Amino acid sequence: MRYRCSFCEIVSHEAEADIVYEDDEVVVFRNRLHWVPVMLLAVPKRHVTQEELWRDMGRVGEVAVRMGQEHCPGGFRLLSNFGMDAMQSQQHGHVHILGGTFLGEYA
């Protein structure tokens, strides 16, 4: 039985997504969550785990930084969650690009 991967379905255009960037290796699309004004997800087209992605960010890292600079010129964060306790909901490796608002100082 094949594991159903939401991100693989977006990469193959079987599922809808608001794609803001795509090349031969990477897709960047808007996250359906709206916790901050800009929430993008950069994913490799090849299904890899978070650990595999972070061992070699390569093109995904390059594109994530460029999308952050373009969509959040005042500043942005790149982050990934590892495991269910860290709120990782998709097994397909991905990087969150967050910005568009002052994220505050720590109390």
PDB file of N, CA and C in Angstrom:
ATOM      1  N   MET A   1       0.841  -1.183   0.000  1.00  0.00           N
ATOM      2  CA  MET A   1       0.000   0.000   0.000  1.00  0.00           C
ATOM      3  C   MET A   1       0.887   1.249   0.000  1.00  0.00           C
ATOM      4  N   ARG A   2       0.590   2.173  -0.880  1.00  0.00           N
ATOM      5  CA  ARG A   2       1.359   3.407  -1.007  1.00  0.00           C
ATOM      6  C   ARG A   2       0.919   4.413   0.056  1.00  0.00           C
ATOM      7  N   TYR A   3       1.884   5.018   0.738  1.00  0.00           N
ATOM      8  CA  TYR A   3       1.614   6.059   1.716  1.00  0.00           C
ATOM      9  C   TYR A   3       1.121   7.302   0.986  1.00  0.00           C
ATOM     10  N   ARG A   4       0.027   7.861   1.435  1.00  0.00           N
ATOM     11  CA  ARG A   4      -0.510   9.078   0.822  1.00  0.00           C
ATOM     12  C   ARG A   4       0.211  10.291   1.402  1.00  0.00           C
ATOM     13  N   CYS A   5       0.883  11.029   0.555  1.00  0.00           N
ATOM     14  CA  CYS A   5       1.643  12.205   0.980  1.00  0.00           C
ATOM     15  C   CYS A   5       1.024  13.446   0.345  1.00  0.00           C
ATOM     16  N   SER A   6       0.509  14.332   1.181  1.00  0.00           N
ATOM     17  CA  SER A   6      -0.130  15.559   0.693  1.00  0.00           C
ATOM     18  C   SER A   6       0.832  16.417  -0.120  1.00  0.00           C
ATOM     19  N   PHE A   7       2.083  16.498   0.323  1.00  0.00           N
ATOM     20  CA  PHE A   7       3.043  17.334  -0.393  1.00  0.00           C
ATOM     21  C   PHE A   7       3.423  16.727  -1.734  1.00  0.00           C
ATOM     22  N   CYS A   8       3.533  15.395  -1.807  1.00  0.00           N
ATOM     23  CA  CYS A   8       3.799  14.752  -3.102  1.00  0.00           C
ATOM     24  C   CYS A   8       2.643  15.010  -4.067  1.00  0.00           C
ATOM     25  N   GLU A   9       1.437  15.051  -3.553  1.00  0.00           N
ATOM     26  CA  GLU A   9       0.275  15.343  -4.400  1.00  0.00           C
ATOM     27  C   GLU A   9       0.310  16.773  -4.911  1.00  0.00           C
ATOM     28  N   ILE A  10       0.791  17.703  -4.094  1.00  0.00           N
ATOM     29  CA  ILE A  10       0.946  19.093  -4.545  1.00  0.00           C
ATOM     30  C   ILE A  10       2.054  19.177  -5.598  1.00  0.00           C
ATOM     31  N   VAL A  11       3.176  18.517  -5.331  1.00  0.00           N
ATOM     32  CA  VAL A  11       4.310  18.517  -6.270  1.00  0.00           C
ATOM     33  C   VAL A  11       3.877  17.986  -7.636  1.00  0.00           C
ATOM     34  N   SER A  12       3.051  16.928  -7.645  1.00  0.00           N
ATOM     35  CA  SER A  12       2.609  16.326  -8.911  1.00  0.00           C
ATOM     36  C   SER A  12       1.377  17.015  -9.496  1.00  0.00           C
ATOM     37  N   HIS A  13       0.915  18.068  -8.837  1.00  0.00           N
ATOM     38  CA  HIS A  13      -0.262  18.838  -9.272  1.00  0.00           C
ATOM     39  C   HIS A  13      -1.548  18.014  -9.226  1.00  0.00           C
ATOM     40  N   GLU A  14      -1.560  16.966  -8.399  1.00  0.00           N
ATOM     41  CA  GLU A  14      -2.787  16.199  -8.166  1.00  0.00           C
ATOM     42  C   GLU A  14      -3.665  16.894  -7.141  1.00  0.00           C
ATOM     43  N   ALA A  15      -3.068  17.708  -6.270  1.00  0.00           N
ATOM     44  CA  ALA A  15      -3.797  18.462  -5.256  1.00  0.00           C
ATOM     45  C   ALA A  15      -3.573  19.948  -5.513  1.00  0.00           C
ATOM     46  N   GLU A  16      -4.563  20.745  -5.185  1.00  0.00           N
ATOM     47  CA  GLU A  16      -4.464  22.188  -5.379  1.00  0.00           C
ATOM     48  C   GLU A  16      -3.586  22.827  -4.317  1.00  0.00           C
ATOM     49  N   ALA A  17      -2.889  23.857  -4.735  1.00  0.00           N
ATOM     50  CA  ALA A  17      -2.084  24.667  -3.824  1.00  0.00           C
ATOM     51  C   ALA A  17      -1.824  26.003  -4.503  1.00  0.00           C
ATOM     52  N   ASP A  18      -1.607  27.017  -3.709  1.00  0.00           N
ATOM     53  CA  ASP A  18      -1.256  28.341  -4.221  1.00  0.00           C
ATOM     54  C   ASP A  18       0.265  28.372  -4.360  1.00  0.00           C
ATOM     55  N   ILE A  19       0.747  27.918  -5.504  1.00  0.00           N
ATOM     56  CA  ILE A  19       2.188  27.809  -5.762  1.00  0.00           C
ATOM     57  C   ILE A  19       2.735  29.179  -6.144  1.00  0.00           C
ATOM     58  N   VAL A  20       3.785  29.607  -5.438  1.00  0.00           N
ATOM     59  CA  VAL A  20       4.408  30.901  -5.727  1.00  0.00           C
ATOM     60  C   VAL A  20       5.738  30.749  -6.450  1.00  0.00           C
ATOM     61  N   TYR A  21       6.287  29.515  -6.459  1.00  0.00           N
ATOM     62  CA  TYR A  21       7.555  29.263  -7.146  1.00  0.00           C
ATOM     63  C   TYR A  21       7.655  27.779  -7.444  1.00  0.00           C
ATOM     64  N   GLU A  22       8.228  27.463  -8.608  1.00  0.00           N
ATOM     65  CA  GLU A  22       8.482  26.065  -8.944  1.00  0.00           C
ATOM     66  C   GLU A  22       9.623  25.990  -9.946  1.00  0.00           C
ATOM     67  N   ASP A  23      10.529  25.033  -9.716  1.00  0.00           N
ATOM     68  CA  ASP A  23      11.553  24.720 -10.700  1.00  0.00           C
ATOM     69  C   ASP A  23      11.670  23.196 -10.767  1.00  0.00           C
ATOM     70  N   ASP A  24      12.739  22.685 -11.335  1.00  0.00           N
ATOM     71  CA  ASP A  24      12.883  21.240 -11.502  1.00  0.00           C
ATOM     72  C   ASP A  24      13.055  20.482 -10.184  1.00  0.00           C
ATOM     73  N   GLU A  25      13.484  21.181  -9.110  1.00  0.00           N
ATOM     74  CA  GLU A  25      13.799  20.511  -7.844  1.00  0.00           C
ATOM     75  C   GLU A  25      12.933  20.923  -6.664  1.00  0.00           C
ATOM     76  N   VAL A  26      12.319  22.116  -6.729  1.00  0.00           N
ATOM     77  CA  VAL A  26      11.673  22.709  -5.553  1.00  0.00           C
ATOM     78  C   VAL A  26      10.316  23.295  -5.928  1.00  0.00           C
ATOM     79  N   VAL A  27       9.374  23.187  -4.983  1.00  0.00           N
ATOM     80  CA  VAL A  27       8.088  23.868  -5.089  1.00  0.00           C
ATOM     81  C   VAL A  27       7.899  24.687  -3.814  1.00  0.00           C
ATOM     82  N   VAL A  28       7.432  25.933  -3.962  1.00  0.00           N
ATOM     83  CA  VAL A  28       7.102  26.781  -2.815  1.00  0.00           C
ATOM     84  C   VAL A  28       5.639  27.156  -2.957  1.00  0.00           C
ATOM     85  N   PHE A  29       4.879  26.928  -1.878  1.00  0.00           N
ATOM     86  CA  PHE A  29       3.451  27.250  -1.911  1.00  0.00           C
ATOM     87  C   PHE A  29       3.020  27.841  -0.581  1.00  0.00           C
ATOM     88  N   ARG A  30       1.881  28.527  -0.610  1.00  0.00           N
ATOM     89  CA  ARG A  30       1.343  29.139   0.599  1.00  0.00           C
ATOM     90  C   ARG A  30       0.780  28.064   1.519  1.00  0.00           C
ATOM     91  N   ASN A  31       1.115  28.179   2.792  1.00  0.00           N
ATOM     92  CA  ASN A  31       0.579  27.272   3.791  1.00  0.00           C
ATOM     93  C   ASN A  31      -0.902  27.581   3.978  1.00  0.00           C
ATOM     94  N   ARG A  32      -1.708  26.565   4.193  1.00  0.00           N
ATOM     95  CA  ARG A  32      -3.147  26.777   4.427  1.00  0.00           C
ATOM     96  C   ARG A  32      -3.403  27.407   5.776  1.00  0.00           C
ATOM     97  N   LEU A  33      -2.446  27.296   6.687  1.00  0.00           N
ATOM     98  CA  LEU A  33      -2.549  27.952   7.987  1.00  0.00           C
ATOM     99  C   LEU A  33      -2.202  29.425   7.808  1.00  0.00           C
ATOM    100  N   HIS A  34      -2.749  30.272   8.634  1.00  0.00           N
ATOM    101  CA  HIS A  34      -2.512  31.718   8.492  1.00  0.00           C
ATOM    102  C   HIS A  34      -2.147  32.323   9.842  1.00  0.00           C
ATOM    103  N   TRP A  35      -1.106  31.799  10.483  1.00  0.00           N
ATOM    104  CA  TRP A  35      -0.700  32.288  11.789  1.00  0.00           C
ATOM    105  C   TRP A  35       0.007  33.625  11.705  1.00  0.00           C
ATOM    106  N   VAL A  36       0.698  33.886  10.608  1.00  0.00           N
ATOM    107  CA  VAL A  36       1.362  35.164  10.350  1.00  0.00           C
ATOM    108  C   VAL A  36       1.038  35.541   8.903  1.00  0.00           C
ATOM    109  N   PRO A  37       1.209  36.805   8.538  1.00  0.00           N
ATOM    110  CA  PRO A  37       0.822  37.218   7.180  1.00  0.00           C
ATOM    111  C   PRO A  37       1.456  36.404   6.053  1.00  0.00           C
ATOM    112  N   VAL A  38       2.726  36.017   6.183  1.00  0.00           N
ATOM    113  CA  VAL A  38       3.370  35.217   5.147  1.00  0.00           C
ATOM    114  C   VAL A  38       3.755  33.875   5.756  1.00  0.00           C
ATOM    115  N   MET A  39       3.160  32.811   5.231  1.00  0.00           N
ATOM    116  CA  MET A  39       3.501  31.445   5.636  1.00  0.00           C
ATOM    117  C   MET A  39       3.650  30.626   4.369  1.00  0.00           C
ATOM    118  N   LEU A  40       4.885  30.444   3.937  1.00  0.00           N
ATOM    119  CA  LEU A  40       5.174  29.651   2.750  1.00  0.00           C
ATOM    120  C   LEU A  40       5.846  28.349   3.161  1.00  0.00           C
ATOM    121  N   LEU A  41       5.737  27.359   2.314  1.00  0.00           N
ATOM    122  CA  LEU A  41       6.414  26.082   2.522  1.00  0.00           C
ATOM    123  C   LEU A  41       7.289  25.801   1.306  1.00  0.00           C
ATOM    124  N   ALA A  42       8.564  25.564   1.533  1.00  0.00           N
ATOM    125  CA  ALA A  42       9.487  25.164   0.470  1.00  0.00           C
ATOM    126  C   ALA A  42       9.715  23.669   0.612  1.00  0.00           C
ATOM    127  N   VAL A  43       9.418  22.916  -0.447  1.00  0.00           N
ATOM    128  CA  VAL A  43       9.557  21.460  -0.395  1.00  0.00           C
ATOM    129  C   VAL A  43      10.357  20.972  -1.599  1.00  0.00           C
ATOM    130  N   PRO A  44      11.200  19.984  -1.369  1.00  0.00           N
ATOM    131  CA  PRO A  44      11.858  19.357  -2.516  1.00  0.00           C
ATOM    132  C   PRO A  44      10.827  18.529  -3.275  1.00  0.00           C
ATOM    133  N   LYS A  45      10.977  18.440  -4.571  1.00  0.00           N
ATOM    134  CA  LYS A  45      10.048  17.619  -5.349  1.00  0.00           C
ATOM    135  C   LYS A  45      10.210  16.142  -5.023  1.00  0.00           C
ATOM    136  N   ARG A  46      11.401  15.749  -4.662  1.00  0.00           N
ATOM    137  CA  ARG A  46      11.661  14.358  -4.291  1.00  0.00           C
ATOM    138  C   ARG A  46      11.262  14.170  -2.832  1.00  0.00           C
ATOM    139  N   HIS A  47      10.505  13.125  -2.542  1.00  0.00           N
ATOM    140  CA  HIS A  47      10.079  12.859  -1.170  1.00  0.00           C
ATOM    141  C   HIS A  47      11.280  12.454  -0.323  1.00  0.00           C
ATOM    142  N   VAL A  48      11.583  13.279   0.669  1.00  0.00           N
ATOM    143  CA  VAL A  48      12.646  12.997   1.635  1.00  0.00           C
ATOM    144  C   VAL A  48      12.114  13.328   3.023  1.00  0.00           C
ATOM    145  N   THR A  49      12.776  12.820   4.058  1.00  0.00           N
ATOM    146  CA  THR A  49      12.399  13.151   5.430  1.00  0.00           C
ATOM    147  C   THR A  49      13.004  14.500   5.816  1.00  0.00           C
ATOM    148  N   GLN A  50      12.553  15.029   6.957  1.00  0.00           N
ATOM    149  CA  GLN A  50      13.152  16.268   7.466  1.00  0.00           C
ATOM    150  C   GLN A  50      14.655  16.083   7.659  1.00  0.00           C
ATOM    151  N   GLU A  51      15.035  14.962   8.260  1.00  0.00           N
ATOM    152  CA  GLU A  51      16.454  14.716   8.520  1.00  0.00           C
ATOM    153  C   GLU A  51      17.263  14.688   7.230  1.00  0.00           C
ATOM    154  N   GLU A  52      16.746  14.013   6.221  1.00  0.00           N
ATOM    155  CA  GLU A  52      17.453  13.955   4.937  1.00  0.00           C
ATOM    156  C   GLU A  52      17.569  15.340   4.309  1.00  0.00           C
ATOM    157  N   LEU A  53      16.503  16.123   4.382  1.00  0.00           N
ATOM    158  CA  LEU A  53      16.527  17.466   3.812  1.00  0.00           C
ATOM    159  C   LEU A  53      17.567  18.333   4.507  1.00  0.00           C
ATOM    160  N   TRP A  54      17.585  18.304   5.834  1.00  0.00           N
ATOM    161  CA  TRP A  54      18.492  19.169   6.579  1.00  0.00           C
ATOM    162  C   TRP A  54      19.948  18.722   6.505  1.00  0.00           C
ATOM    163  N   ARG A  55      20.210  17.494   6.124  1.00  0.00           N
ATOM    164  CA  ARG A  55      21.599  17.059   5.923  1.00  0.00           C
ATOM    165  C   ARG A  55      22.211  17.759   4.714  1.00  0.00           C
ATOM    166  N   ASP A  56      21.355  18.130   3.757  1.00  0.00           N
ATOM    167  CA  ASP A  56      21.836  18.805   2.549  1.00  0.00           C
ATOM    168  C   ASP A  56      20.712  19.685   2.012  1.00  0.00           C
ATOM    169  N   MET A  57      20.634  20.926   2.502  1.00  0.00           N
ATOM    170  CA  MET A  57      19.556  21.839   2.101  1.00  0.00           C
ATOM    171  C   MET A  57      19.635  22.200   0.624  1.00  0.00           C
ATOM    172  N   GLY A  58      20.822  22.287   0.084  1.00  0.00           N
ATOM    173  CA  GLY A  58      20.998  22.531  -1.340  1.00  0.00           C
ATOM    174  C   GLY A  58      20.039  23.545  -1.928  1.00  0.00           C
ATOM    175  N   ARG A  59      19.393  23.168  -2.984  1.00  0.00           N
ATOM    176  CA  ARG A  59      18.496  24.058  -3.737  1.00  0.00           C
ATOM    177  C   ARG A  59      17.318  24.522  -2.886  1.00  0.00           C
ATOM    178  N   VAL A  60      16.790  23.671  -2.006  1.00  0.00           N
ATOM    179  CA  VAL A  60      15.659  24.068  -1.159  1.00  0.00           C
ATOM    180  C   VAL A  60      16.053  25.249  -0.273  1.00  0.00           C
ATOM    181  N   GLY A  61      17.224  25.190   0.330  1.00  0.00           N
ATOM    182  CA  GLY A  61      17.692  26.291   1.162  1.00  0.00           C
ATOM    183  C   GLY A  61      17.884  27.573   0.370  1.00  0.00           C
ATOM    184  N   GLU A  62      18.484  27.460  -0.789  1.00  0.00           N
ATOM    185  CA  GLU A  62      18.702  28.619  -1.662  1.00  0.00           C
ATOM    186  C   GLU A  62      17.371  29.281  -2.036  1.00  0.00           C
ATOM    187  N   VAL A  63      16.401  28.481  -2.449  1.00  0.00           N
ATOM    188  CA  VAL A  63      15.096  29.012  -2.851  1.00  0.00           C
ATOM    189  C   VAL A  63      14.349  29.573  -1.646  1.00  0.00           C
ATOM    190  N   ALA A  64      14.428  28.907  -0.491  1.00  0.00           N
ATOM    191  CA  ALA A  64      13.739  29.393   0.707  1.00  0.00           C
ATOM    192  C   ALA A  64      14.230  30.787   1.093  1.00  0.00           C
ATOM    193  N   VAL A  65      15.529  30.994   1.060  1.00  0.00           N
ATOM    194  CA  VAL A  65      16.083  32.317   1.380  1.00  0.00           C
ATOM    195  C   VAL A  65      15.601  33.354   0.366  1.00  0.00           C
ATOM    196  N   ARG A  66      15.640  33.012  -0.905  1.00  0.00           N
ATOM    197  CA  ARG A  66      15.196  33.961  -1.934  1.00  0.00           C
ATOM    198  C   ARG A  66      13.716  34.305  -1.787  1.00  0.00           C
ATOM    199  N   MET A  67      12.875  33.312  -1.492  1.00  0.00           N
ATOM    200  CA  MET A  67      11.441  33.566  -1.302  1.00  0.00           C
ATOM    201  C   MET A  67      11.207  34.421  -0.059  1.00  0.00           C
ATOM    202  N   GLY A  68      11.976  34.190   0.994  1.00  0.00           N
ATOM    203  CA  GLY A  68      11.882  35.027   2.188  1.00  0.00           C
ATOM    204  C   GLY A  68      12.234  36.470   1.882  1.00  0.00           C
ATOM    205  N   GLN A  69      13.296  36.672   1.144  1.00  0.00           N
ATOM    206  CA  GLN A  69      13.708  38.027   0.781  1.00  0.00           C
ATOM    207  C   GLN A  69      12.667  38.712  -0.086  1.00  0.00           C
ATOM    208  N   GLU A  70      12.061  37.984  -1.006  1.00  0.00           N
ATOM    209  CA  GLU A  70      11.070  38.574  -1.908  1.00  0.00           C
ATOM    210  C   GLU A  70       9.736  38.847  -1.216  1.00  0.00           C
ATOM    211  N   HIS A  71       9.273  37.913  -0.400  1.00  0.00           N
ATOM    212  CA  HIS A  71       7.945  38.019   0.198  1.00  0.00           C
ATOM    213  C   HIS A  71       7.940  38.722   1.546  1.00  0.00           C
ATOM    214  N   CYS A  72       9.097  38.821   2.191  1.00  0.00           N
ATOM    215  CA  CYS A  72       9.209  39.421   3.526  1.00  0.00           C
ATOM    216  C   CYS A  72      10.441  40.311   3.592  1.00  0.00           C
ATOM    217  N   PRO A  73      10.466  41.421   2.862  1.00  0.00           N
ATOM    218  CA  PRO A  73      11.680  42.234   2.798  1.00  0.00           C
ATOM    219  C   PRO A  73      12.117  42.813   4.140  1.00  0.00           C
ATOM    220  N   GLY A  74      11.200  42.886   5.115  1.00  0.00           N
ATOM    221  CA  GLY A  74      11.561  43.402   6.436  1.00  0.00           C
ATOM    222  C   GLY A  74      12.174  42.362   7.349  1.00  0.00           C
ATOM    223  N   GLY A  75      12.174  41.117   6.928  1.00  0.00           N
ATOM    224  CA  GLY A  75      12.750  40.038   7.725  1.00  0.00           C
ATOM    225  C   GLY A  75      11.868  38.810   7.707  1.00  0.00           C
ATOM    226  N   PHE A  76      12.460  37.651   7.941  1.00  0.00           N
ATOM    227  CA  PHE A  76      11.723  36.393   7.897  1.00  0.00           C
ATOM    228  C   PHE A  76      12.431  35.342   8.733  1.00  0.00           C
ATOM    229  N   ARG A  77      11.733  34.237   8.974  1.00  0.00           N
ATOM    230  CA  ARG A  77      12.294  33.096   9.675  1.00  0.00           C
ATOM    231  C   ARG A  77      12.182  31.864   8.798  1.00  0.00           C
ATOM    232  N   LEU A  78      13.184  31.023   8.864  1.00  0.00           N
ATOM    233  CA  LEU A  78      13.141  29.706   8.234  1.00  0.00           C
ATOM    234  C   LEU A  78      13.168  28.689   9.361  1.00  0.00           C
ATOM    235  N   LEU A  79      12.234  27.745   9.336  1.00  0.00           N
ATOM    236  CA  LEU A  79      12.233  26.740  10.385  1.00  0.00           C
ATOM    237  C   LEU A  79      11.588  25.456   9.897  1.00  0.00           C
ATOM    238  N   SER A  80      11.897  24.384  10.605  1.00  0.00           N
ATOM    239  CA  SER A  80      11.280  23.089  10.353  1.00  0.00           C
ATOM    240  C   SER A  80      10.994  22.431  11.685  1.00  0.00           C
ATOM    241  N   ASN A  81       9.943  21.659  11.721  1.00  0.00           N
ATOM    242  CA  ASN A  81       9.575  20.896  12.900  1.00  0.00           C
ATOM    243  C   ASN A  81      10.014  19.448  12.681  1.00  0.00           C
ATOM    244  N   PHE A  82      10.553  18.842  13.726  1.00  0.00           N
ATOM    245  CA  PHE A  82      11.023  17.460  13.654  1.00  0.00           C
ATOM    246  C   PHE A  82      10.245  16.617  14.655  1.00  0.00           C
ATOM    247  N   GLY A  83       9.301  15.822  14.175  1.00  0.00           N
ATOM    248  CA  GLY A  83       8.542  14.918  15.029  1.00  0.00           C
ATOM    249  C   GLY A  83       7.224  15.486  15.508  1.00  0.00           C
ATOM    250  N   MET A  84       6.360  14.582  15.938  1.00  0.00           N
ATOM    251  CA  MET A  84       5.014  14.963  16.363  1.00  0.00           C
ATOM    252  C   MET A  84       5.025  15.918  17.558  1.00  0.00           C
ATOM    253  N   ASP A  85       5.940  15.738  18.508  1.00  0.00           N
ATOM    254  CA  ASP A  85       5.992  16.628  19.666  1.00  0.00           C
ATOM    255  C   ASP A  85       6.366  18.057  19.271  1.00  0.00           C
ATOM    256  N   ALA A  86       6.962  18.219  18.107  1.00  0.00           N
ATOM    257  CA  ALA A  86       7.320  19.546  17.607  1.00  0.00           C
ATOM    258  C   ALA A  86       6.305  20.048  16.581  1.00  0.00           C
ATOM    259  N   MET A  87       5.154  19.376  16.480  1.00  0.00           N
ATOM    260  CA  MET A  87       4.064  19.754  15.576  1.00  0.00           C
ATOM    261  C   MET A  87       4.372  19.489  14.105  1.00  0.00           C
ATOM    262  N   GLN A  88       5.236  18.507  13.803  1.00  0.00           N
ATOM    263  CA  GLN A  88       5.457  18.137  12.410  1.00  0.00           C
ATOM    264  C   GLN A  88       4.254  17.319  11.949  1.00  0.00           C
ATOM    265  N   SER A  89       3.527  17.820  10.957  1.00  0.00           N
ATOM    266  CA  SER A  89       2.316  17.136  10.504  1.00  0.00           C
ATOM    267  C   SER A  89       2.504  16.420   9.171  1.00  0.00           C
ATOM    268  N   GLN A  90       3.583  16.701   8.467  1.00  0.00           N
ATOM    269  CA  GLN A  90       3.850  16.074   7.170  1.00  0.00           C
ATOM    270  C   GLN A  90       5.215  15.396   7.202  1.00  0.00           C
ATOM    271  N   GLN A  91       5.278  14.171   6.707  1.00  0.00           N
ATOM    272  CA  GLN A  91       6.545  13.434   6.689  1.00  0.00           C
ATOM    273  C   GLN A  91       7.481  13.915   5.592  1.00  0.00           C
ATOM    274  N   HIS A  92       6.941  14.540   4.540  1.00  0.00           N
ATOM    275  CA  HIS A  92       7.733  15.066   3.431  1.00  0.00           C
ATOM    276  C   HIS A  92       8.542  16.254   3.966  1.00  0.00           C
ATOM    277  N   GLY A  93       9.858  16.206   3.822  1.00  0.00           N
ATOM    278  CA  GLY A  93      10.712  17.280   4.310  1.00  0.00           C
ATOM    279  C   GLY A  93      10.299  18.627   3.748  1.00  0.00           C
ATOM    280  N   HIS A  94      10.320  19.653   4.594  1.00  0.00           N
ATOM    281  CA  HIS A  94       9.901  20.986   4.168  1.00  0.00           C
ATOM    282  C   HIS A  94      10.468  22.048   5.099  1.00  0.00           C
ATOM    283  N   VAL A  95      10.516  23.273   4.591  1.00  0.00           N
ATOM    284  CA  VAL A  95      10.991  24.417   5.354  1.00  0.00           C
ATOM    285  C   VAL A  95       9.880  25.456   5.359  1.00  0.00           C
ATOM    286  N   HIS A  96       9.547  25.953   6.549  1.00  0.00           N
ATOM    287  CA  HIS A  96       8.581  27.042   6.678  1.00  0.00           C
ATOM    288  C   HIS A  96       9.305  28.368   6.456  1.00  0.00           C
ATOM    289  N   ILE A  97       8.688  29.254   5.696  1.00  0.00           N
ATOM    290  CA  ILE A  97       9.179  30.613   5.501  1.00  0.00           C
ATOM    291  C   ILE A  97       8.110  31.505   6.119  1.00  0.00           C
ATOM    292  N   LEU A  98       8.447  32.175   7.234  1.00  0.00           N
ATOM    293  CA  LEU A  98       7.476  32.955   7.994  1.00  0.00           C
ATOM    294  C   LEU A  98       7.892  34.408   8.051  1.00  0.00           C
ATOM    295  N   GLY A  99       6.928  35.301   7.898  1.00  0.00           N
ATOM    296  CA  GLY A  99       7.248  36.716   8.006  1.00  0.00           C
ATOM    297  C   GLY A  99       6.044  37.588   7.764  1.00  0.00           C
ATOM    298  N   GLY A 100       6.343  38.852   7.501  1.00  0.00           N
ATOM    299  CA  GLY A 100       5.299  39.812   7.207  1.00  0.00           C
ATOM    300  C   GLY A 100       4.768  40.536   8.416  1.00  0.00           C
ATOM    301  N   THR A 101       5.340  40.277   9.572  1.00  0.00           N
ATOM    302  CA  THR A 101       4.918  40.965  10.790  1.00  0.00           C
ATOM    303  C   THR A 101       6.062  40.914  11.782  1.00  0.00           C
ATOM    304  N   PHE A 102       6.077  41.866  12.684  1.00  0.00           N
ATOM    305  CA  PHE A 102       7.056  41.839  13.768  1.00  0.00           C
ATOM    306  C   PHE A 102       6.673  40.697  14.690  1.00  0.00           C
ATOM    307  N   LEU A 103       7.573  39.764  14.892  1.00  0.00           N
ATOM    308  CA  LEU A 103       7.255  38.564  15.667  1.00  0.00           C
ATOM    309  C   LEU A 103       7.531  38.752  17.161  1.00  0.00           C
ATOM    310  N   GLY A 104       7.862  39.972  17.577  1.00  0.00           N
ATOM    311  CA  GLY A 104       7.952  40.290  18.995  1.00  0.00           C
ATOM    312  C   GLY A 104       9.251  39.903  19.668  1.00  0.00           C
ATOM    313  N   GLU A 105       9.409  40.437  20.861  1.00  0.00           N
ATOM    314  CA  GLU A 105      10.559  40.102  21.690  1.00  0.00           C
ATOM    315  C   GLU A 105      10.119  39.077  22.719  1.00  0.00           C
ATOM    316  N   TYR A 106      11.066  38.310  23.197  1.00  0.00           N
ATOM    317  CA  TYR A 106      10.749  37.324  24.215  1.00  0.00           C
ATOM    318  C   TYR A 106      10.560  38.019  25.562  1.00  0.00           C
ATOM    319  N   ALA A 107       9.570  37.602  26.287  1.00  0.00           N
ATOM    320  CA  ALA A 107       9.269  38.216  27.600  1.00  0.00           C
ATOM    321  C   ALA A 107      10.271  37.793  28.649  1.00  0.00           C
TER     322      ALA A 107
END
